Amino acid sequence: MIVITTDKKNLARRYFANVVDYTFFFVLTFVYVFFFGKEDETGSYHVTGFKALAIPLVWFVYFPVCESLFGQTLGKKAFRLYVVDLQGESPSIIHTFLRRMLDIIEMSFFGIPALIAINHTEKNQRIGDMIAGTTVIATDAVCGHCSAELELLPREVLRNTFTCPSCKQVN
């Protein structure tokens, strides 16, 4: 018997991971605009032209690159979540870029489309995940035999089976 310590949907963890990630991104954007932008007559700062390209570049490096190289962003790392393909492997840069393409739409509706999709799909995927063939999983679990707290491999979570390193029992 496998005992996953969290709800497979991980809604709260996913929400707070996104809060951390987008707070980080918006703080970086604010600092960049403040230091490299020009102040207008109202006291607002803005960047235009070539300088404005840095903002989507930072988004691209932070979200898709981190998710494809490490399987997680800072927010996901803080909440022990991983982005994986449907076989439990690290997604490619194309997959992670595709999964992020609908962020602006989902954020425009306060994340409601993502919540609906996660709650009503078999693999707990938001719309971007369905397009990219990815999902977000938590890897912490408890052995059903010896109660050892474990960090599973993403493949083990998706297969819903693992061998406990402490008691050597298959869960």
N, C-alpha and C. Protein backbone atom coordinates (compact mmCIF):
# COMPACT_ATOMS: atom_id res chain seq x y z
N MET A 1 0.84 -1.18 0.00
CA MET A 1 0.00 0.00 0.00
C MET A 1 0.88 1.24 0.00
N ILE A 2 0.72 2.08 -0.99
CA ILE A 2 1.45 3.34 -1.05
C ILE A 2 0.64 4.42 -0.35
N VAL A 3 1.31 5.24 0.38
CA VAL A 3 0.64 6.35 1.03
C VAL A 3 1.33 7.62 0.57
N ILE A 4 0.68 8.35 -0.31
CA ILE A 4 1.20 9.64 -0.74
C ILE A 4 0.73 10.65 0.31
N THR A 5 1.64 11.47 0.80
CA THR A 5 1.31 12.33 1.93
C THR A 5 0.45 13.52 1.55
N THR A 6 0.28 13.79 0.30
CA THR A 6 -0.51 14.95 -0.09
C THR A 6 -1.55 14.55 -1.11
N ASP A 7 -2.52 15.42 -1.29
CA ASP A 7 -3.51 15.25 -2.34
C ASP A 7 -2.78 15.30 -3.68
N LYS A 8 -3.10 14.37 -4.57
CA LYS A 8 -2.40 14.32 -5.85
C LYS A 8 -2.58 15.58 -6.68
N LYS A 9 -3.63 16.32 -6.43
CA LYS A 9 -3.85 17.57 -7.17
C LYS A 9 -2.90 18.65 -6.70
N ASN A 10 -2.50 18.61 -5.47
CA ASN A 10 -1.56 19.57 -4.91
C ASN A 10 -1.98 21.02 -5.15
N LEU A 11 -3.27 21.30 -5.06
CA LEU A 11 -3.75 22.64 -5.40
C LEU A 11 -3.12 23.74 -4.55
N ALA A 12 -3.11 23.57 -3.25
CA ALA A 12 -2.54 24.61 -2.39
C ALA A 12 -1.05 24.77 -2.65
N ARG A 13 -0.34 23.67 -2.75
CA ARG A 13 1.09 23.75 -3.00
C ARG A 13 1.37 24.41 -4.35
N ARG A 14 0.60 24.04 -5.37
CA ARG A 14 0.79 24.63 -6.70
C ARG A 14 0.48 26.12 -6.67
N TYR A 15 -0.57 26.49 -5.97
CA TYR A 15 -0.95 27.90 -5.87
C TYR A 15 0.18 28.71 -5.23
N PHE A 16 0.65 28.26 -4.07
CA PHE A 16 1.67 29.01 -3.36
C PHE A 16 3.01 28.99 -4.09
N ALA A 17 3.30 27.90 -4.79
CA ALA A 17 4.52 27.87 -5.61
C ALA A 17 4.44 28.93 -6.71
N ASN A 18 3.27 29.07 -7.31
CA ASN A 18 3.10 30.11 -8.34
C ASN A 18 3.17 31.50 -7.74
N VAL A 19 2.65 31.68 -6.54
CA VAL A 19 2.76 32.98 -5.87
C VAL A 19 4.23 33.33 -5.68
N VAL A 20 5.02 32.37 -5.20
CA VAL A 20 6.46 32.59 -5.02
C VAL A 20 7.11 32.91 -6.36
N ASP A 21 6.82 32.12 -7.38
CA ASP A 21 7.46 32.31 -8.70
C ASP A 21 7.11 33.65 -9.32
N TYR A 22 5.85 33.99 -9.34
CA TYR A 22 5.46 35.25 -9.98
C TYR A 22 5.82 36.46 -9.14
N THR A 23 5.87 36.33 -7.82
CA THR A 23 6.38 37.42 -6.99
C THR A 23 7.85 37.66 -7.32
N PHE A 24 8.62 36.59 -7.41
CA PHE A 24 10.03 36.69 -7.79
C PHE A 24 10.17 37.36 -9.16
N PHE A 25 9.39 36.89 -10.13
CA PHE A 25 9.45 37.44 -11.48
C PHE A 25 9.07 38.93 -11.50
N PHE A 26 7.99 39.29 -10.82
CA PHE A 26 7.55 40.69 -10.83
C PHE A 26 8.51 41.60 -10.07
N VAL A 27 9.12 41.11 -9.00
CA VAL A 27 10.14 41.90 -8.30
C VAL A 27 11.34 42.13 -9.21
N LEU A 28 11.79 41.07 -9.89
CA LEU A 28 12.89 41.24 -10.85
C LEU A 28 12.52 42.25 -11.94
N THR A 29 11.30 42.16 -12.44
CA THR A 29 10.84 43.08 -13.48
C THR A 29 10.81 44.51 -12.95
N PHE A 30 10.28 44.70 -11.76
CA PHE A 30 10.20 46.03 -11.16
C PHE A 30 11.60 46.62 -10.98
N VAL A 31 12.51 45.84 -10.43
CA VAL A 31 13.88 46.31 -10.21
C VAL A 31 14.54 46.66 -11.54
N TYR A 32 14.35 45.82 -12.54
CA TYR A 32 14.92 46.08 -13.88
C TYR A 32 14.37 47.39 -14.46
N VAL A 33 13.06 47.56 -14.41
CA VAL A 33 12.45 48.77 -14.98
C VAL A 33 12.91 50.00 -14.21
N PHE A 34 13.02 49.89 -12.90
CA PHE A 34 13.46 51.02 -12.09
C PHE A 34 14.89 51.44 -12.44
N PHE A 35 15.78 50.47 -12.58
CA PHE A 35 17.19 50.80 -12.82
C PHE A 35 17.51 51.08 -14.29
N PHE A 36 16.80 50.45 -15.22
CA PHE A 36 17.13 50.61 -16.63
C PHE A 36 16.08 51.39 -17.42
N GLY A 37 14.97 51.71 -16.77
CA GLY A 37 13.91 52.45 -17.46
C GLY A 37 14.12 53.95 -17.36
N LYS A 38 13.26 54.65 -18.03
CA LYS A 38 13.28 56.11 -17.99
C LYS A 38 12.03 56.58 -17.24
N GLU A 39 12.23 57.64 -16.46
CA GLU A 39 11.12 58.20 -15.71
C GLU A 39 10.37 59.19 -16.60
N ASP A 40 9.05 59.11 -16.58
CA ASP A 40 8.27 60.07 -17.36
C ASP A 40 7.80 61.21 -16.45
N GLU A 41 7.00 62.12 -17.01
CA GLU A 41 6.58 63.30 -16.26
C GLU A 41 5.67 62.98 -15.07
N THR A 42 5.08 61.82 -15.05
CA THR A 42 4.22 61.43 -13.92
C THR A 42 5.00 60.70 -12.82
N GLY A 43 6.27 60.45 -13.04
CA GLY A 43 7.09 59.74 -12.06
C GLY A 43 7.11 58.24 -12.26
N SER A 44 6.46 57.77 -13.29
CA SER A 44 6.47 56.34 -13.60
C SER A 44 7.69 55.99 -14.42
N TYR A 45 8.14 54.77 -14.27
CA TYR A 45 9.28 54.28 -15.03
C TYR A 45 8.78 53.31 -16.09
N HIS A 46 9.45 53.30 -17.22
CA HIS A 46 9.10 52.36 -18.28
C HIS A 46 10.33 52.08 -19.15
N VAL A 47 10.31 50.93 -19.76
CA VAL A 47 11.36 50.58 -20.72
C VAL A 47 10.70 50.40 -22.08
N THR A 48 11.43 50.77 -23.10
CA THR A 48 10.93 50.63 -24.46
C THR A 48 12.03 50.07 -25.34
N GLY A 49 11.63 49.67 -26.53
CA GLY A 49 12.60 49.21 -27.52
C GLY A 49 13.32 47.96 -27.08
N PHE A 50 14.61 47.94 -27.37
CA PHE A 50 15.44 46.77 -27.10
C PHE A 50 15.45 46.39 -25.62
N LYS A 51 15.45 47.41 -24.74
CA LYS A 51 15.46 47.14 -23.30
C LYS A 51 14.21 46.37 -22.84
N ALA A 52 13.11 46.57 -23.53
CA ALA A 52 11.87 45.90 -23.14
C ALA A 52 11.94 44.39 -23.42
N LEU A 53 12.81 43.95 -24.31
CA LEU A 53 12.94 42.53 -24.62
C LEU A 53 13.51 41.72 -23.46
N ALA A 54 14.18 42.39 -22.53
CA ALA A 54 14.76 41.68 -21.39
C ALA A 54 13.69 41.04 -20.52
N ILE A 55 12.53 41.64 -20.44
CA ILE A 55 11.48 41.13 -19.55
C ILE A 55 10.97 39.76 -20.03
N PRO A 56 10.55 39.61 -21.30
CA PRO A 56 10.16 38.25 -21.72
C PRO A 56 11.34 37.28 -21.73
N LEU A 57 12.55 37.77 -21.95
CA LEU A 57 13.71 36.91 -21.90
C LEU A 57 13.91 36.33 -20.50
N VAL A 58 13.75 37.17 -19.49
CA VAL A 58 13.86 36.69 -18.10
C VAL A 58 12.76 35.68 -17.81
N TRP A 59 11.54 35.95 -18.28
CA TRP A 59 10.43 35.00 -18.11
C TRP A 59 10.80 33.66 -18.72
N PHE A 60 11.33 33.71 -19.96
CA PHE A 60 11.68 32.48 -20.67
C PHE A 60 12.79 31.72 -19.95
N VAL A 61 13.79 32.43 -19.48
CA VAL A 61 14.89 31.76 -18.78
C VAL A 61 14.41 31.19 -17.45
N TYR A 62 13.63 31.97 -16.73
CA TYR A 62 13.22 31.52 -15.41
C TYR A 62 12.26 30.33 -15.47
N PHE A 63 11.16 30.47 -16.19
CA PHE A 63 10.15 29.41 -16.16
C PHE A 63 10.51 28.21 -17.04
N PRO A 64 10.50 28.33 -18.37
CA PRO A 64 10.76 27.13 -19.18
C PRO A 64 12.15 26.52 -18.99
N VAL A 65 13.17 27.35 -18.88
CA VAL A 65 14.53 26.79 -18.76
C VAL A 65 14.71 26.08 -17.40
N CYS A 66 14.28 26.73 -16.32
CA CYS A 66 14.40 26.08 -15.01
C CYS A 66 13.59 24.79 -14.94
N GLU A 67 12.37 24.82 -15.50
CA GLU A 67 11.54 23.62 -15.45
C GLU A 67 12.10 22.49 -16.30
N SER A 68 12.75 22.82 -17.41
CA SER A 68 13.31 21.74 -18.24
C SER A 68 14.65 21.24 -17.69
N LEU A 69 15.48 22.13 -17.15
CA LEU A 69 16.78 21.70 -16.62
C LEU A 69 16.68 21.04 -15.24
N PHE A 70 15.87 21.63 -14.36
CA PHE A 70 15.83 21.17 -12.98
C PHE A 70 14.49 20.51 -12.59
N GLY A 71 13.49 20.62 -13.47
CA GLY A 71 12.17 20.08 -13.16
C GLY A 71 11.36 20.97 -12.24
N GLN A 72 11.94 22.10 -11.84
CA GLN A 72 11.24 22.98 -10.92
C GLN A 72 11.82 24.39 -10.94
N THR A 73 10.98 25.33 -10.54
CA THR A 73 11.39 26.71 -10.33
C THR A 73 11.64 26.88 -8.83
N LEU A 74 11.98 28.08 -8.39
CA LEU A 74 12.19 28.31 -6.96
C LEU A 74 10.92 28.02 -6.16
N GLY A 75 9.78 28.45 -6.68
CA GLY A 75 8.52 28.19 -5.99
C GLY A 75 8.21 26.71 -5.89
N LYS A 76 8.42 25.99 -6.97
CA LYS A 76 8.16 24.55 -6.94
C LYS A 76 9.16 23.86 -6.01
N LYS A 77 10.39 24.30 -6.00
CA LYS A 77 11.39 23.72 -5.10
C LYS A 77 10.97 23.93 -3.64
N ALA A 78 10.48 25.12 -3.33
CA ALA A 78 10.06 25.42 -1.97
C ALA A 78 8.92 24.52 -1.51
N PHE A 79 8.09 24.08 -2.44
CA PHE A 79 6.95 23.25 -2.10
C PHE A 79 7.09 21.80 -2.57
N ARG A 80 8.32 21.41 -2.91
CA ARG A 80 8.66 20.04 -3.32
C ARG A 80 7.74 19.52 -4.43
N LEU A 81 7.62 20.33 -5.48
CA LEU A 81 6.85 19.97 -6.66
C LEU A 81 7.78 19.87 -7.85
N TYR A 82 7.43 19.01 -8.79
CA TYR A 82 8.22 18.82 -10.00
C TYR A 82 7.33 18.86 -11.22
N VAL A 83 7.84 19.44 -12.30
CA VAL A 83 7.19 19.36 -13.61
C VAL A 83 7.81 18.17 -14.31
N VAL A 84 6.97 17.25 -14.77
CA VAL A 84 7.45 16.06 -15.47
C VAL A 84 6.58 15.81 -16.69
N ASP A 85 7.13 15.04 -17.63
CA ASP A 85 6.28 14.59 -18.74
C ASP A 85 5.43 13.44 -18.22
N LEU A 86 4.58 12.91 -19.04
CA LEU A 86 3.62 11.89 -18.58
C LEU A 86 4.25 10.54 -18.30
N GLN A 87 5.55 10.39 -18.58
CA GLN A 87 6.28 9.17 -18.22
C GLN A 87 7.11 9.38 -16.96
N GLY A 88 7.06 10.58 -16.39
CA GLY A 88 7.82 10.88 -15.18
C GLY A 88 9.22 11.37 -15.44
N GLU A 89 9.53 11.69 -16.68
CA GLU A 89 10.87 12.17 -17.05
C GLU A 89 10.88 13.70 -17.08
N SER A 90 12.07 14.26 -17.09
CA SER A 90 12.20 15.71 -17.23
C SER A 90 11.67 16.15 -18.58
N PRO A 91 10.85 17.19 -18.60
CA PRO A 91 10.30 17.65 -19.88
C PRO A 91 11.36 18.42 -20.68
N SER A 92 11.18 18.45 -21.98
CA SER A 92 12.09 19.21 -22.83
C SER A 92 11.78 20.70 -22.73
N ILE A 93 12.66 21.52 -23.23
CA ILE A 93 12.45 22.96 -23.24
C ILE A 93 11.20 23.32 -24.05
N ILE A 94 10.93 22.58 -25.11
CA ILE A 94 9.72 22.81 -25.91
C ILE A 94 8.48 22.54 -25.07
N HIS A 95 8.48 21.43 -24.33
CA HIS A 95 7.34 21.10 -23.48
C HIS A 95 7.11 22.17 -22.41
N THR A 96 8.18 22.60 -21.77
CA THR A 96 8.01 23.59 -20.70
C THR A 96 7.59 24.95 -21.27
N PHE A 97 8.07 25.29 -22.45
CA PHE A 97 7.63 26.53 -23.09
C PHE A 97 6.14 26.43 -23.44
N LEU A 98 5.73 25.31 -24.01
CA LEU A 98 4.32 25.11 -24.36
C LEU A 98 3.41 25.19 -23.13
N ARG A 99 3.84 24.59 -22.02
CA ARG A 99 2.99 24.58 -20.83
C ARG A 99 2.82 25.97 -20.24
N ARG A 100 3.75 26.86 -20.54
CA ARG A 100 3.69 28.23 -20.02
C ARG A 100 3.00 29.22 -20.95
N MET A 101 2.70 28.79 -22.17
CA MET A 101 2.12 29.70 -23.16
C MET A 101 0.76 30.26 -22.72
N LEU A 102 0.01 29.53 -21.93
CA LEU A 102 -1.31 30.00 -21.53
C LEU A 102 -1.33 30.68 -20.15
N ASP A 103 -0.17 30.92 -19.57
CA ASP A 103 -0.11 31.56 -18.26
C ASP A 103 -0.88 32.88 -18.23
N ILE A 104 -0.68 33.71 -19.22
CA ILE A 104 -1.31 35.03 -19.23
C ILE A 104 -2.84 34.91 -19.27
N ILE A 105 -3.33 33.94 -20.03
CA ILE A 105 -4.79 33.74 -20.10
C ILE A 105 -5.32 33.22 -18.77
N GLU A 106 -4.63 32.23 -18.22
CA GLU A 106 -5.08 31.68 -16.94
C GLU A 106 -5.01 32.71 -15.83
N MET A 107 -3.97 33.54 -15.83
CA MET A 107 -3.83 34.58 -14.81
C MET A 107 -4.89 35.67 -14.99
N SER A 108 -5.29 35.93 -16.24
CA SER A 108 -6.31 36.94 -16.49
C SER A 108 -7.64 36.56 -15.85
N PHE A 109 -7.87 35.28 -15.68
CA PHE A 109 -9.10 34.78 -15.07
C PHE A 109 -8.83 34.25 -13.66
N PHE A 110 -7.82 34.82 -12.99
CA PHE A 110 -7.48 34.49 -11.60
C PHE A 110 -7.18 33.02 -11.38
N GLY A 111 -6.71 32.34 -12.40
CA GLY A 111 -6.34 30.93 -12.28
C GLY A 111 -7.51 29.97 -12.31
N ILE A 112 -8.72 30.48 -12.51
CA ILE A 112 -9.90 29.63 -12.50
C ILE A 112 -9.86 28.56 -13.58
N PRO A 113 -9.46 28.87 -14.83
CA PRO A 113 -9.37 27.79 -15.83
C PRO A 113 -8.39 26.68 -15.40
N ALA A 114 -7.29 27.06 -14.78
CA ALA A 114 -6.32 26.06 -14.31
C ALA A 114 -6.92 25.20 -13.21
N LEU A 115 -7.61 25.82 -12.26
CA LEU A 115 -8.23 25.06 -11.18
C LEU A 115 -9.28 24.08 -11.69
N ILE A 116 -10.09 24.53 -12.63
CA ILE A 116 -11.11 23.66 -13.20
C ILE A 116 -10.45 22.48 -13.91
N ALA A 117 -9.43 22.78 -14.72
CA ALA A 117 -8.75 21.71 -15.46
C ALA A 117 -8.07 20.72 -14.52
N ILE A 118 -7.35 21.22 -13.52
CA ILE A 118 -6.65 20.34 -12.57
C ILE A 118 -7.65 19.44 -11.85
N ASN A 119 -8.78 19.99 -11.47
CA ASN A 119 -9.78 19.21 -10.74
C ASN A 119 -10.54 18.21 -11.59
N HIS A 120 -10.53 18.39 -12.91
CA HIS A 120 -11.36 17.54 -13.76
C HIS A 120 -10.56 16.72 -14.78
N THR A 121 -9.25 16.65 -14.62
CA THR A 121 -8.47 15.80 -15.52
C THR A 121 -7.85 14.65 -14.73
N GLU A 122 -7.72 13.55 -15.38
CA GLU A 122 -7.20 12.34 -14.73
C GLU A 122 -5.79 12.54 -14.19
N LYS A 123 -4.97 13.28 -14.91
CA LYS A 123 -3.58 13.48 -14.51
C LYS A 123 -3.36 14.83 -13.83
N ASN A 124 -4.45 15.48 -13.40
CA ASN A 124 -4.38 16.75 -12.66
C ASN A 124 -3.61 17.82 -13.43
N GLN A 125 -3.92 17.95 -14.70
CA GLN A 125 -3.21 18.88 -15.56
C GLN A 125 -4.00 20.16 -15.77
N ARG A 126 -3.28 21.27 -15.80
CA ARG A 126 -3.92 22.51 -16.23
C ARG A 126 -3.88 22.51 -17.75
N ILE A 127 -4.47 23.51 -18.38
CA ILE A 127 -4.59 23.52 -19.83
C ILE A 127 -3.21 23.49 -20.51
N GLY A 128 -2.28 24.28 -20.02
CA GLY A 128 -0.93 24.28 -20.58
C GLY A 128 -0.25 22.93 -20.47
N ASP A 129 -0.50 22.22 -19.37
CA ASP A 129 0.05 20.87 -19.20
C ASP A 129 -0.54 19.90 -20.21
N MET A 130 -1.83 20.03 -20.46
CA MET A 130 -2.47 19.13 -21.44
C MET A 130 -1.88 19.35 -22.83
N ILE A 131 -1.65 20.60 -23.19
CA ILE A 131 -1.07 20.91 -24.50
C ILE A 131 0.36 20.37 -24.59
N ALA A 132 1.12 20.50 -23.51
CA ALA A 132 2.53 20.13 -23.51
C ALA A 132 2.77 18.65 -23.18
N GLY A 133 1.78 17.96 -22.66
CA GLY A 133 2.00 16.58 -22.23
C GLY A 133 2.82 16.50 -20.96
N THR A 134 2.56 17.42 -20.03
CA THR A 134 3.27 17.46 -18.76
C THR A 134 2.27 17.46 -17.61
N THR A 135 2.79 17.32 -16.41
CA THR A 135 1.99 17.45 -15.20
C THR A 135 2.90 17.89 -14.07
N VAL A 136 2.32 18.31 -12.97
CA VAL A 136 3.07 18.73 -11.79
C VAL A 136 2.76 17.74 -10.68
N ILE A 137 3.82 17.22 -10.06
CA ILE A 137 3.63 16.22 -9.01
C ILE A 137 4.44 16.57 -7.77
N ALA A 138 3.98 16.05 -6.65
CA ALA A 138 4.75 16.10 -5.40
C ALA A 138 5.40 14.75 -5.24
N THR A 139 6.60 14.73 -4.70
CA THR A 139 7.34 13.47 -4.62
C THR A 139 7.52 12.95 -3.20
N ASP A 140 6.89 13.60 -2.22
CA ASP A 140 7.02 13.09 -0.86
C ASP A 140 5.96 12.04 -0.58
N ALA A 141 6.33 11.01 0.16
CA ALA A 141 5.43 9.90 0.46
C ALA A 141 5.83 9.27 1.79
N VAL A 142 4.98 8.37 2.26
CA VAL A 142 5.25 7.61 3.47
C VAL A 142 5.07 6.14 3.14
N CYS A 143 6.02 5.31 3.55
CA CYS A 143 5.92 3.87 3.32
C CYS A 143 4.74 3.32 4.11
N GLY A 144 3.93 2.53 3.46
CA GLY A 144 2.77 1.93 4.10
C GLY A 144 3.13 0.80 5.04
N HIS A 145 4.38 0.34 5.01
CA HIS A 145 4.81 -0.78 5.86
C HIS A 145 5.57 -0.32 7.09
N CYS A 146 6.54 0.57 6.92
CA CYS A 146 7.39 0.98 8.06
C CYS A 146 7.21 2.44 8.44
N SER A 147 6.35 3.17 7.72
CA SER A 147 6.05 4.59 7.98
C SER A 147 7.23 5.52 7.76
N ALA A 148 8.23 5.07 7.01
CA ALA A 148 9.36 5.94 6.69
C ALA A 148 8.89 7.04 5.75
N GLU A 149 9.35 8.27 6.01
CA GLU A 149 9.04 9.38 5.13
C GLU A 149 10.07 9.38 4.01
N LEU A 150 9.59 9.43 2.77
CA LEU A 150 10.45 9.26 1.62
C LEU A 150 10.28 10.38 0.60
N GLU A 151 11.28 10.55 -0.20
CA GLU A 151 11.22 11.41 -1.38
C GLU A 151 11.30 10.45 -2.57
N LEU A 152 10.22 10.34 -3.33
CA LEU A 152 10.15 9.41 -4.44
C LEU A 152 10.70 10.02 -5.72
N LEU A 153 11.02 9.17 -6.66
CA LEU A 153 11.32 9.63 -8.01
C LEU A 153 10.01 9.95 -8.70
N PRO A 154 10.00 10.91 -9.61
CA PRO A 154 8.75 11.23 -10.32
C PRO A 154 8.11 10.01 -10.99
N ARG A 155 8.92 9.11 -11.56
CA ARG A 155 8.37 7.90 -12.19
C ARG A 155 7.61 7.05 -11.18
N GLU A 156 8.12 6.97 -9.95
CA GLU A 156 7.47 6.17 -8.92
C GLU A 156 6.11 6.77 -8.55
N VAL A 157 6.05 8.09 -8.51
CA VAL A 157 4.79 8.75 -8.19
C VAL A 157 3.77 8.47 -9.29
N LEU A 158 4.18 8.60 -10.55
CA LEU A 158 3.25 8.37 -11.65
C LEU A 158 2.83 6.91 -11.75
N ARG A 159 3.74 5.99 -11.44
CA ARG A 159 3.40 4.56 -11.47
C ARG A 159 2.60 4.16 -10.24
N ASN A 160 2.66 5.01 -9.18
CA ASN A 160 1.99 4.76 -7.92
C ASN A 160 2.54 3.51 -7.23
N THR A 161 3.84 3.27 -7.41
CA THR A 161 4.49 2.15 -6.74
C THR A 161 5.97 2.48 -6.51
N PHE A 162 6.49 1.99 -5.38
CA PHE A 162 7.90 2.17 -5.07
C PHE A 162 8.35 1.10 -4.09
N THR A 163 9.64 0.88 -4.03
CA THR A 163 10.23 -0.02 -3.04
C THR A 163 10.86 0.85 -1.97
N CYS A 164 10.46 0.65 -0.74
CA CYS A 164 10.97 1.45 0.37
C CYS A 164 12.44 1.11 0.61
N PRO A 165 13.32 2.08 0.65
CA PRO A 165 14.74 1.78 0.92
C PRO A 165 14.99 1.34 2.35
N SER A 166 14.08 1.67 3.28
CA SER A 166 14.27 1.29 4.69
C SER A 166 13.88 -0.16 4.95
N CYS A 167 12.68 -0.55 4.52
CA CYS A 167 12.21 -1.91 4.84
C CYS A 167 12.21 -2.84 3.64
N LYS A 168 12.57 -2.31 2.46
CA LYS A 168 12.68 -3.09 1.22
C LYS A 168 11.35 -3.68 0.73
N GLN A 169 10.23 -3.17 1.26
CA GLN A 169 8.92 -3.64 0.85
C GLN A 169 8.42 -2.82 -0.35
N VAL A 170 7.70 -3.50 -1.23
CA VAL A 170 7.08 -2.82 -2.37
C VAL A 170 5.77 -2.21 -1.90
N ASN A 171 5.60 -0.98 -2.19
CA ASN A 171 4.39 -0.25 -1.81
C ASN A 171 3.53 -0.02 -3.03
